[in-house]
């Protein structure tokens, strides 16, 4: 009986781990089905570019949503994204932890278990922070 209970526990735990991995992996969005988010070279808008990218790549179930808040960080809104000191430092993308994570200077590289952001998207986030990380 104890062996059966032990086996059931491990099966249940393995199922939870697998579902967390799948929900953060982007498995529900087959490659090529979403229109890429393309950032302008300057005057980057939080509402038009940054938040839509966060919604698609970061603010997902079991990642940086309001419930899970992986690493105590939610990226579901401007206020939550800018609440923790050091994550986004207006005017200073080189020392913003967000940029260090998405460009791979700080491990683990984000987004975790998903395709890395492309050069345009990384540049766009850097530019938005350089322009003051405004809620525009």
Foldseek 3Di string as FASTA:
>chain_A
DVVVVVVVVVVVVVVVVVVLLCQLQCVVPPPPPDDDQFADLAPGACVRGVQVVCVRFACTVNGQPPPNNVVVAHSNALCRNPVDPQCQAALCLPRHVVLCQLVVVDPPRPPPNYDRDDPRNSSRVSNCSNNGVDND
